[in-house]
Amino acid sequence: MWSPVGQQVMIRTPGRPAKHYGIGAVNYHTGETFVIFRKRKKRAQIAEFLRLLLAKYPDKRIILVWDNVYTHKDGEVEQVELQFSDRLKLLYLPTYSPWLNPVEMLWRHYRREVTHCELFVTPQKLINASKNFFKKYNRTPQRILSIIGAKLSA
């Protein structure tokens, strides 16, 4: 950034920002997204996400392919997988391989469109902007499929 000599530019910073996390998945065949927002993204929140995903699709078998991060394993997450073993299968990608996970392309697109160079006054404004992003893209699932590199199923 530049400024005229002798004039200091003031840049607002959030100080110590309140963090919130998006936990989500994309249906690789339809392009529909399912995302929740929480203050933490530990095993309890991941297990909650899985339960909510299963509740949203009560008659579907879900195969979830995701990365190998420690919050995706053990404890509460394993309990959900065991409880719903007839409907839920978790497949883990190799460690440190985000390029193998198509949803990472959507998260990159989200950051570029929603959070890049933005300072939200409150966490709720960030959450609202995030929800609006996914609501907008759920209206055009073919666009999501294009972002993640999949094709619309017939």
N, C-alpha and C. Protein backbone atom coordinates (compact mmCIF):
# COMPACT_ATOMS: atom_id res chain seq x y z
N MET A 1 0.85 -1.17 0.00
CA MET A 1 0.00 0.00 0.00
C MET A 1 0.89 1.23 0.00
N TRP A 2 0.45 2.27 -0.63
CA TRP A 2 1.23 3.50 -0.66
C TRP A 2 0.38 4.63 -0.09
N SER A 3 1.06 5.68 0.30
CA SER A 3 0.39 6.89 0.76
C SER A 3 1.33 8.06 0.51
N PRO A 4 0.78 9.28 0.43
CA PRO A 4 1.64 10.45 0.25
C PRO A 4 2.62 10.58 1.42
N VAL A 5 3.79 11.11 1.15
CA VAL A 5 4.81 11.30 2.18
C VAL A 5 4.23 12.11 3.32
N GLY A 6 4.42 11.63 4.53
CA GLY A 6 3.97 12.34 5.71
C GLY A 6 2.53 12.06 6.12
N GLN A 7 1.82 11.26 5.34
CA GLN A 7 0.44 10.94 5.68
C GLN A 7 0.33 9.43 5.93
N GLN A 8 0.06 9.08 7.14
CA GLN A 8 -0.05 7.67 7.48
C GLN A 8 -1.46 7.16 7.20
N VAL A 9 -1.54 6.04 6.52
CA VAL A 9 -2.83 5.44 6.22
C VAL A 9 -3.23 4.55 7.39
N MET A 10 -4.47 4.72 7.84
CA MET A 10 -4.97 3.89 8.93
C MET A 10 -5.76 2.72 8.33
N ILE A 11 -5.38 1.53 8.72
CA ILE A 11 -6.06 0.33 8.24
C ILE A 11 -6.73 -0.33 9.43
N ARG A 12 -8.05 -0.52 9.31
CA ARG A 12 -8.78 -1.19 10.39
C ARG A 12 -8.38 -2.65 10.46
N THR A 13 -8.19 -3.11 11.65
CA THR A 13 -7.93 -4.54 11.86
C THR A 13 -8.88 -5.03 12.94
N PRO A 14 -9.19 -6.31 12.92
CA PRO A 14 -10.17 -6.81 13.89
C PRO A 14 -9.61 -7.02 15.28
N GLY A 15 -8.31 -6.79 15.47
CA GLY A 15 -7.74 -7.09 16.77
C GLY A 15 -7.67 -8.59 16.94
N ARG A 16 -8.38 -9.09 17.90
CA ARG A 16 -8.43 -10.54 18.10
C ARG A 16 -9.78 -11.02 17.57
N PRO A 17 -9.80 -11.54 16.35
CA PRO A 17 -11.09 -11.87 15.73
C PRO A 17 -11.79 -13.06 16.37
N ALA A 18 -13.10 -12.99 16.40
CA ALA A 18 -13.91 -14.14 16.83
C ALA A 18 -13.98 -15.09 15.64
N LYS A 19 -13.59 -16.32 15.85
CA LYS A 19 -13.56 -17.27 14.74
C LYS A 19 -14.85 -18.07 14.67
N HIS A 20 -15.23 -18.39 13.46
CA HIS A 20 -16.33 -19.29 13.19
C HIS A 20 -15.89 -20.17 12.02
N TYR A 21 -16.40 -21.37 11.97
CA TYR A 21 -15.97 -22.33 10.96
C TYR A 21 -17.17 -22.85 10.18
N GLY A 22 -16.95 -23.06 8.90
CA GLY A 22 -17.94 -23.72 8.08
C GLY A 22 -17.58 -25.19 7.98
N ILE A 23 -18.55 -26.04 8.20
CA ILE A 23 -18.36 -27.48 8.06
C ILE A 23 -19.36 -27.91 7.00
N GLY A 24 -18.87 -28.45 5.89
CA GLY A 24 -19.81 -28.71 4.81
C GLY A 24 -19.41 -29.84 3.90
N ALA A 25 -20.35 -30.16 3.03
CA ALA A 25 -20.15 -31.21 2.04
C ALA A 25 -20.90 -30.83 0.77
N VAL A 26 -20.48 -31.42 -0.33
CA VAL A 26 -21.13 -31.22 -1.62
C VAL A 26 -21.55 -32.59 -2.15
N ASN A 27 -22.77 -32.66 -2.64
CA ASN A 27 -23.21 -33.87 -3.32
C ASN A 27 -22.54 -33.87 -4.69
N TYR A 28 -21.65 -34.83 -4.90
CA TYR A 28 -20.85 -34.88 -6.13
C TYR A 28 -21.70 -35.13 -7.37
N HIS A 29 -22.91 -35.65 -7.18
CA HIS A 29 -23.77 -35.96 -8.33
C HIS A 29 -24.76 -34.85 -8.65
N THR A 30 -25.23 -34.12 -7.62
CA THR A 30 -26.25 -33.09 -7.86
C THR A 30 -25.72 -31.67 -7.73
N GLY A 31 -24.62 -31.49 -7.01
CA GLY A 31 -24.07 -30.16 -6.79
C GLY A 31 -24.65 -29.44 -5.58
N GLU A 32 -25.57 -30.09 -4.88
CA GLU A 32 -26.17 -29.46 -3.70
C GLU A 32 -25.15 -29.42 -2.56
N THR A 33 -25.11 -28.29 -1.85
CA THR A 33 -24.22 -28.16 -0.70
C THR A 33 -25.02 -28.25 0.59
N PHE A 34 -24.34 -28.70 1.63
CA PHE A 34 -24.90 -28.71 2.97
C PHE A 34 -23.81 -28.20 3.89
N VAL A 35 -24.05 -27.05 4.53
CA VAL A 35 -23.02 -26.40 5.34
C VAL A 35 -23.63 -25.91 6.65
N ILE A 36 -22.89 -26.12 7.73
CA ILE A 36 -23.28 -25.54 9.02
C ILE A 36 -22.12 -24.66 9.50
N PHE A 37 -22.42 -23.71 10.37
CA PHE A 37 -21.41 -22.80 10.90
C PHE A 37 -21.37 -22.92 12.41
N ARG A 38 -20.17 -23.09 12.94
CA ARG A 38 -20.00 -23.27 14.37
C ARG A 38 -18.77 -22.50 14.84
N LYS A 39 -18.73 -22.23 16.16
CA LYS A 39 -17.58 -21.53 16.75
C LYS A 39 -16.34 -22.42 16.83
N ARG A 40 -16.58 -23.73 16.80
CA ARG A 40 -15.46 -24.68 16.85
C ARG A 40 -15.65 -25.71 15.75
N LYS A 41 -14.57 -26.40 15.43
CA LYS A 41 -14.68 -27.51 14.48
C LYS A 41 -13.91 -28.70 15.03
N LYS A 42 -14.33 -29.12 16.18
CA LYS A 42 -13.74 -30.28 16.83
C LYS A 42 -14.61 -31.49 16.55
N ARG A 43 -14.26 -32.61 17.14
CA ARG A 43 -15.00 -33.85 16.86
C ARG A 43 -16.49 -33.74 17.16
N ALA A 44 -16.84 -33.05 18.23
CA ALA A 44 -18.27 -32.91 18.58
C ALA A 44 -19.04 -32.19 17.47
N GLN A 45 -18.47 -31.15 16.89
CA GLN A 45 -19.14 -30.41 15.83
C GLN A 45 -19.17 -31.22 14.53
N ILE A 46 -18.12 -31.99 14.28
CA ILE A 46 -18.09 -32.84 13.09
C ILE A 46 -19.16 -33.93 13.23
N ALA A 47 -19.28 -34.52 14.41
CA ALA A 47 -20.31 -35.53 14.65
C ALA A 47 -21.70 -34.91 14.50
N GLU A 48 -21.88 -33.70 15.00
CA GLU A 48 -23.15 -33.00 14.84
C GLU A 48 -23.46 -32.80 13.36
N PHE A 49 -22.46 -32.38 12.60
CA PHE A 49 -22.63 -32.20 11.15
C PHE A 49 -23.10 -33.50 10.50
N LEU A 50 -22.46 -34.61 10.85
CA LEU A 50 -22.83 -35.90 10.26
C LEU A 50 -24.28 -36.26 10.60
N ARG A 51 -24.67 -36.04 11.85
CA ARG A 51 -26.05 -36.33 12.25
C ARG A 51 -27.05 -35.46 11.48
N LEU A 52 -26.72 -34.19 11.32
CA LEU A 52 -27.60 -33.28 10.58
C LEU A 52 -27.68 -33.67 9.10
N LEU A 53 -26.56 -34.09 8.54
CA LEU A 53 -26.52 -34.53 7.14
C LEU A 53 -27.39 -35.78 6.97
N LEU A 54 -27.26 -36.72 7.89
CA LEU A 54 -28.09 -37.93 7.84
C LEU A 54 -29.56 -37.60 8.01
N ALA A 55 -29.89 -36.64 8.86
CA ALA A 55 -31.29 -36.24 9.06
C ALA A 55 -31.85 -35.55 7.82
N LYS A 56 -31.00 -34.81 7.13
CA LYS A 56 -31.45 -34.13 5.91
C LYS A 56 -31.78 -35.13 4.81
N TYR A 57 -31.08 -36.24 4.78
CA TYR A 57 -31.28 -37.27 3.76
C TYR A 57 -31.61 -38.60 4.45
N PRO A 58 -32.79 -38.70 5.06
CA PRO A 58 -33.12 -39.88 5.87
C PRO A 58 -33.23 -41.18 5.09
N ASP A 59 -33.48 -41.11 3.79
CA ASP A 59 -33.65 -42.32 2.98
C ASP A 59 -32.46 -42.60 2.08
N LYS A 60 -31.35 -41.91 2.29
CA LYS A 60 -30.19 -42.05 1.41
C LYS A 60 -29.02 -42.70 2.13
N ARG A 61 -28.22 -43.40 1.36
CA ARG A 61 -26.94 -43.91 1.85
C ARG A 61 -25.90 -42.84 1.49
N ILE A 62 -25.09 -42.45 2.44
CA ILE A 62 -24.13 -41.37 2.24
C ILE A 62 -22.71 -41.93 2.31
N ILE A 63 -21.96 -41.68 1.26
CA ILE A 63 -20.53 -42.01 1.25
C ILE A 63 -19.81 -40.68 1.26
N LEU A 64 -19.13 -40.41 2.34
CA LEU A 64 -18.47 -39.12 2.52
C LEU A 64 -16.97 -39.30 2.37
N VAL A 65 -16.41 -38.65 1.36
CA VAL A 65 -14.97 -38.69 1.12
C VAL A 65 -14.41 -37.39 1.66
N TRP A 66 -13.47 -37.49 2.58
CA TRP A 66 -12.91 -36.28 3.17
C TRP A 66 -11.48 -36.49 3.58
N ASP A 67 -10.85 -35.41 4.04
CA ASP A 67 -9.43 -35.49 4.36
C ASP A 67 -9.21 -36.21 5.68
N ASN A 68 -7.96 -36.38 5.98
CA ASN A 68 -7.52 -37.21 7.10
C ASN A 68 -7.26 -36.41 8.37
N VAL A 69 -7.86 -35.25 8.51
CA VAL A 69 -7.61 -34.40 9.67
C VAL A 69 -8.11 -35.12 10.93
N TYR A 70 -7.43 -34.89 12.02
CA TYR A 70 -7.71 -35.62 13.26
C TYR A 70 -9.14 -35.46 13.76
N THR A 71 -9.81 -34.35 13.46
CA THR A 71 -11.18 -34.15 13.93
C THR A 71 -12.19 -35.00 13.16
N HIS A 72 -11.76 -35.61 12.07
CA HIS A 72 -12.65 -36.47 11.29
C HIS A 72 -12.61 -37.92 11.75
N LYS A 73 -11.87 -38.20 12.79
CA LYS A 73 -11.67 -39.59 13.23
C LYS A 73 -11.95 -39.72 14.72
N ASP A 74 -12.15 -40.96 15.12
CA ASP A 74 -12.23 -41.34 16.53
C ASP A 74 -13.39 -40.67 17.27
N GLY A 75 -13.53 -41.03 18.52
CA GLY A 75 -14.50 -40.42 19.43
C GLY A 75 -15.90 -40.33 18.87
N GLU A 76 -16.46 -39.14 18.95
CA GLU A 76 -17.85 -38.91 18.55
C GLU A 76 -18.11 -39.25 17.08
N VAL A 77 -17.13 -38.98 16.22
CA VAL A 77 -17.28 -39.24 14.79
C VAL A 77 -17.41 -40.74 14.55
N GLU A 78 -16.56 -41.50 15.19
CA GLU A 78 -16.61 -42.96 15.07
C GLU A 78 -17.95 -43.51 15.59
N GLN A 79 -18.45 -42.93 16.66
CA GLN A 79 -19.75 -43.35 17.21
C GLN A 79 -20.88 -43.14 16.21
N VAL A 80 -20.86 -42.00 15.52
CA VAL A 80 -21.89 -41.73 14.52
C VAL A 80 -21.77 -42.73 13.38
N GLU A 81 -20.55 -42.99 12.94
CA GLU A 81 -20.35 -43.94 11.84
C GLU A 81 -20.84 -45.34 12.25
N LEU A 82 -20.57 -45.75 13.46
CA LEU A 82 -21.03 -47.05 13.94
C LEU A 82 -22.55 -47.09 14.09
N GLN A 83 -23.12 -46.03 14.63
CA GLN A 83 -24.56 -45.95 14.83
C GLN A 83 -25.33 -46.02 13.52
N PHE A 84 -24.76 -45.40 12.48
CA PHE A 84 -25.43 -45.35 11.18
C PHE A 84 -24.66 -46.14 10.12
N SER A 85 -24.07 -47.24 10.51
CA SER A 85 -23.22 -48.01 9.59
C SER A 85 -23.97 -48.50 8.36
N ASP A 86 -25.29 -48.62 8.45
CA ASP A 86 -26.07 -49.04 7.29
C ASP A 86 -26.29 -47.90 6.30
N ARG A 87 -26.07 -46.65 6.72
CA ARG A 87 -26.34 -45.49 5.85
C ARG A 87 -25.14 -44.58 5.63
N LEU A 88 -24.09 -44.73 6.42
CA LEU A 88 -22.96 -43.79 6.36
C LEU A 88 -21.65 -44.54 6.23
N LYS A 89 -20.88 -44.15 5.22
CA LYS A 89 -19.53 -44.70 5.04
C LYS A 89 -18.57 -43.53 4.89
N LEU A 90 -17.54 -43.51 5.73
CA LEU A 90 -16.53 -42.46 5.68
C LEU A 90 -15.28 -42.99 5.00
N LEU A 91 -14.84 -42.31 3.95
CA LEU A 91 -13.63 -42.67 3.22
C LEU A 91 -12.62 -41.55 3.39
N TYR A 92 -11.41 -41.91 3.76
CA TYR A 92 -10.39 -40.92 4.06
C TYR A 92 -9.38 -40.80 2.92
N LEU A 93 -9.11 -39.57 2.53
CA LEU A 93 -8.07 -39.29 1.54
C LEU A 93 -6.70 -39.38 2.20
N PRO A 94 -5.65 -39.56 1.42
CA PRO A 94 -4.31 -39.58 2.02
C PRO A 94 -4.01 -38.26 2.73
N THR A 95 -3.20 -38.34 3.75
CA THR A 95 -2.80 -37.16 4.51
C THR A 95 -2.08 -36.16 3.60
N TYR A 96 -2.31 -34.89 3.84
CA TYR A 96 -1.67 -33.79 3.12
C TYR A 96 -1.89 -33.87 1.61
N SER A 97 -3.14 -34.07 1.21
CA SER A 97 -3.43 -34.12 -0.23
C SER A 97 -4.72 -33.36 -0.56
N PRO A 98 -4.77 -32.06 -0.27
CA PRO A 98 -6.01 -31.31 -0.51
C PRO A 98 -6.42 -31.27 -1.98
N TRP A 99 -5.49 -31.46 -2.90
CA TRP A 99 -5.81 -31.43 -4.32
C TRP A 99 -6.69 -32.62 -4.72
N LEU A 100 -6.76 -33.65 -3.87
CA LEU A 100 -7.62 -34.80 -4.16
C LEU A 100 -9.06 -34.59 -3.69
N ASN A 101 -9.30 -33.54 -2.92
CA ASN A 101 -10.61 -33.30 -2.33
C ASN A 101 -11.33 -32.21 -3.11
N PRO A 102 -12.33 -32.56 -3.93
CA PRO A 102 -13.02 -31.57 -4.77
C PRO A 102 -13.65 -30.41 -4.00
N VAL A 103 -14.10 -30.65 -2.76
CA VAL A 103 -14.75 -29.58 -2.01
C VAL A 103 -13.78 -28.44 -1.71
N GLU A 104 -12.48 -28.73 -1.72
CA GLU A 104 -11.49 -27.66 -1.49
C GLU A 104 -11.59 -26.58 -2.55
N MET A 105 -11.96 -26.94 -3.77
CA MET A 105 -12.14 -25.94 -4.83
C MET A 105 -13.30 -25.01 -4.50
N LEU A 106 -14.35 -25.57 -3.92
CA LEU A 106 -15.50 -24.74 -3.53
C LEU A 106 -15.13 -23.82 -2.38
N TRP A 107 -14.39 -24.33 -1.39
CA TRP A 107 -13.96 -23.48 -0.28
C TRP A 107 -13.06 -22.36 -0.79
N ARG A 108 -12.21 -22.65 -1.77
CA ARG A 108 -11.35 -21.59 -2.34
C ARG A 108 -12.21 -20.53 -3.02
N HIS A 109 -13.21 -20.97 -3.77
CA HIS A 109 -14.12 -20.05 -4.44
C HIS A 109 -14.88 -19.20 -3.41
N TYR A 110 -15.33 -19.85 -2.36
CA TYR A 110 -16.03 -19.17 -1.27
C TYR A 110 -15.13 -18.07 -0.67
N ARG A 111 -13.90 -18.42 -0.33
CA ARG A 111 -12.99 -17.42 0.27
C ARG A 111 -12.76 -16.26 -0.68
N ARG A 112 -12.59 -16.55 -1.96
CA ARG A 112 -12.37 -15.49 -2.94
C ARG A 112 -13.58 -14.56 -3.02
N GLU A 113 -14.77 -15.13 -2.99
CA GLU A 113 -15.99 -14.33 -3.17
C GLU A 113 -16.50 -13.69 -1.88
N VAL A 114 -16.30 -14.33 -0.75
CA VAL A 114 -16.92 -13.85 0.49
C VAL A 114 -15.92 -13.20 1.44
N THR A 115 -14.82 -13.83 1.72
CA THR A 115 -13.96 -13.34 2.82
C THR A 115 -12.69 -12.64 2.38
N HIS A 116 -12.28 -12.78 1.12
CA HIS A 116 -11.03 -12.16 0.68
C HIS A 116 -11.11 -10.64 0.80
N CYS A 117 -10.18 -10.07 1.51
CA CYS A 117 -10.08 -8.62 1.70
C CYS A 117 -11.34 -8.01 2.32
N GLU A 118 -12.02 -8.77 3.13
CA GLU A 118 -13.22 -8.26 3.81
C GLU A 118 -13.00 -8.29 5.31
N LEU A 119 -13.49 -7.26 5.97
CA LEU A 119 -13.49 -7.22 7.42
C LEU A 119 -14.95 -7.09 7.85
N PHE A 120 -15.47 -8.15 8.44
CA PHE A 120 -16.85 -8.16 8.88
C PHE A 120 -16.93 -7.57 10.28
N VAL A 121 -17.88 -6.69 10.50
CA VAL A 121 -18.01 -5.98 11.77
C VAL A 121 -18.35 -6.93 12.91
N THR A 122 -19.17 -7.94 12.61
CA THR A 122 -19.55 -8.93 13.62
C THR A 122 -19.45 -10.32 13.02
N PRO A 123 -19.28 -11.33 13.85
CA PRO A 123 -19.29 -12.71 13.35
C PRO A 123 -20.61 -13.04 12.63
N GLN A 124 -21.72 -12.49 13.12
CA GLN A 124 -23.01 -12.79 12.49
C GLN A 124 -23.07 -12.28 11.06
N LYS A 125 -22.44 -11.13 10.79
CA LYS A 125 -22.41 -10.61 9.41
C LYS A 125 -21.61 -11.54 8.50
N LEU A 126 -20.53 -12.10 9.01
CA LEU A 126 -19.75 -13.08 8.25
C LEU A 126 -20.59 -14.33 7.99
N ILE A 127 -21.27 -14.82 9.01
CA ILE A 127 -22.10 -16.02 8.86
C ILE A 127 -23.22 -15.76 7.86
N ASN A 128 -23.84 -14.60 7.94
CA ASN A 128 -24.91 -14.26 6.99
C ASN A 128 -24.39 -14.21 5.56
N ALA A 129 -23.23 -13.59 5.36
CA ALA A 129 -22.64 -13.53 4.02
C ALA A 129 -22.31 -14.94 3.53
N SER A 130 -21.84 -15.79 4.42
CA SER A 130 -21.51 -17.16 4.07
C SER A 130 -22.76 -17.95 3.69
N LYS A 131 -23.80 -17.82 4.49
CA LYS A 131 -25.05 -18.52 4.19
C LYS A 131 -25.62 -18.05 2.85
N ASN A 132 -25.52 -16.75 2.58
CA ASN A 132 -26.01 -16.22 1.31
C ASN A 132 -25.24 -16.80 0.13
N PHE A 133 -23.92 -16.97 0.30
CA PHE A 133 -23.10 -17.56 -0.76
C PHE A 133 -23.62 -18.95 -1.10
N PHE A 134 -23.80 -19.80 -0.09
CA PHE A 134 -24.23 -21.18 -0.35
C PHE A 134 -25.67 -21.25 -0.82
N LYS A 135 -26.51 -20.36 -0.33
CA LYS A 135 -27.90 -20.31 -0.80
C LYS A 135 -27.94 -19.96 -2.28
N LYS A 136 -27.14 -18.97 -2.66
CA LYS A 136 -27.08 -18.54 -4.07
C LYS A 136 -26.58 -19.67 -4.95
N TYR A 137 -25.51 -20.34 -4.53
CA TYR A 137 -24.95 -21.40 -5.37
C TYR A 137 -25.81 -22.65 -5.38
N ASN A 138 -26.59 -22.89 -4.33
CA ASN A 138 -27.51 -24.04 -4.35
C ASN A 138 -28.62 -23.85 -5.38
N ARG A 139 -28.86 -22.62 -5.80
CA ARG A 139 -29.84 -22.37 -6.85
C ARG A 139 -29.28 -22.72 -8.23
N THR A 140 -27.96 -22.80 -8.34
CA THR A 140 -27.32 -23.16 -9.61
C THR A 140 -26.31 -24.28 -9.35
N PRO A 141 -26.81 -25.48 -9.06
CA PRO A 141 -25.89 -26.58 -8.71
C PRO A 141 -24.92 -26.93 -9.83
N GLN A 142 -25.29 -26.68 -11.07
CA GLN A 142 -24.36 -26.97 -12.16
C GLN A 142 -23.10 -26.11 -12.04
N ARG A 143 -23.23 -24.93 -11.46
CA ARG A 143 -22.06 -24.08 -11.26
C ARG A 143 -21.14 -24.67 -10.19
N ILE A 144 -21.74 -25.22 -9.13
CA ILE A 144 -20.94 -25.88 -8.09
C ILE A 144 -20.23 -27.09 -8.69
N LEU A 145 -20.95 -27.88 -9.49
CA LEU A 145 -20.32 -29.04 -10.11
C LEU A 145 -19.15 -28.64 -10.99
N SER A 146 -19.30 -27.53 -11.69
CA SER A 146 -18.20 -27.02 -12.52
C SER A 146 -17.01 -26.62 -11.65
N ILE A 147 -17.27 -25.99 -10.52
CA ILE A 147 -16.20 -25.57 -9.62
C ILE A 147 -15.44 -26.76 -9.07
N ILE A 148 -16.18 -27.83 -8.70
CA ILE A 148 -15.50 -28.99 -8.10
C ILE A 148 -15.03 -30.00 -9.15
N GLY A 149 -15.33 -29.75 -10.42
CA GLY A 149 -14.85 -30.63 -11.47
C GLY A 149 -15.70 -31.87 -11.70
N ALA A 150 -16.99 -31.78 -11.42
CA ALA A 150 -17.90 -32.92 -11.61
C ALA A 150 -18.90 -32.58 -12.71
N LYS A 151 -19.64 -33.58 -13.14
CA LYS A 151 -20.66 -33.37 -14.17
C LYS A 151 -22.03 -33.65 -13.56
N LEU A 152 -23.06 -32.89 -14.01
CA LEU A 152 -24.42 -33.06 -13.54
C LEU A 152 -24.94 -34.42 -13.95
N SER A 153 -25.45 -35.17 -12.96
CA SER A 153 -26.03 -36.50 -13.24
C SER A 153 -27.40 -36.33 -13.88
N ALA A 154 -27.74 -37.27 -14.75
CA ALA A 154 -29.04 -37.21 -15.42
C ALA A 154 -30.15 -37.70 -14.52
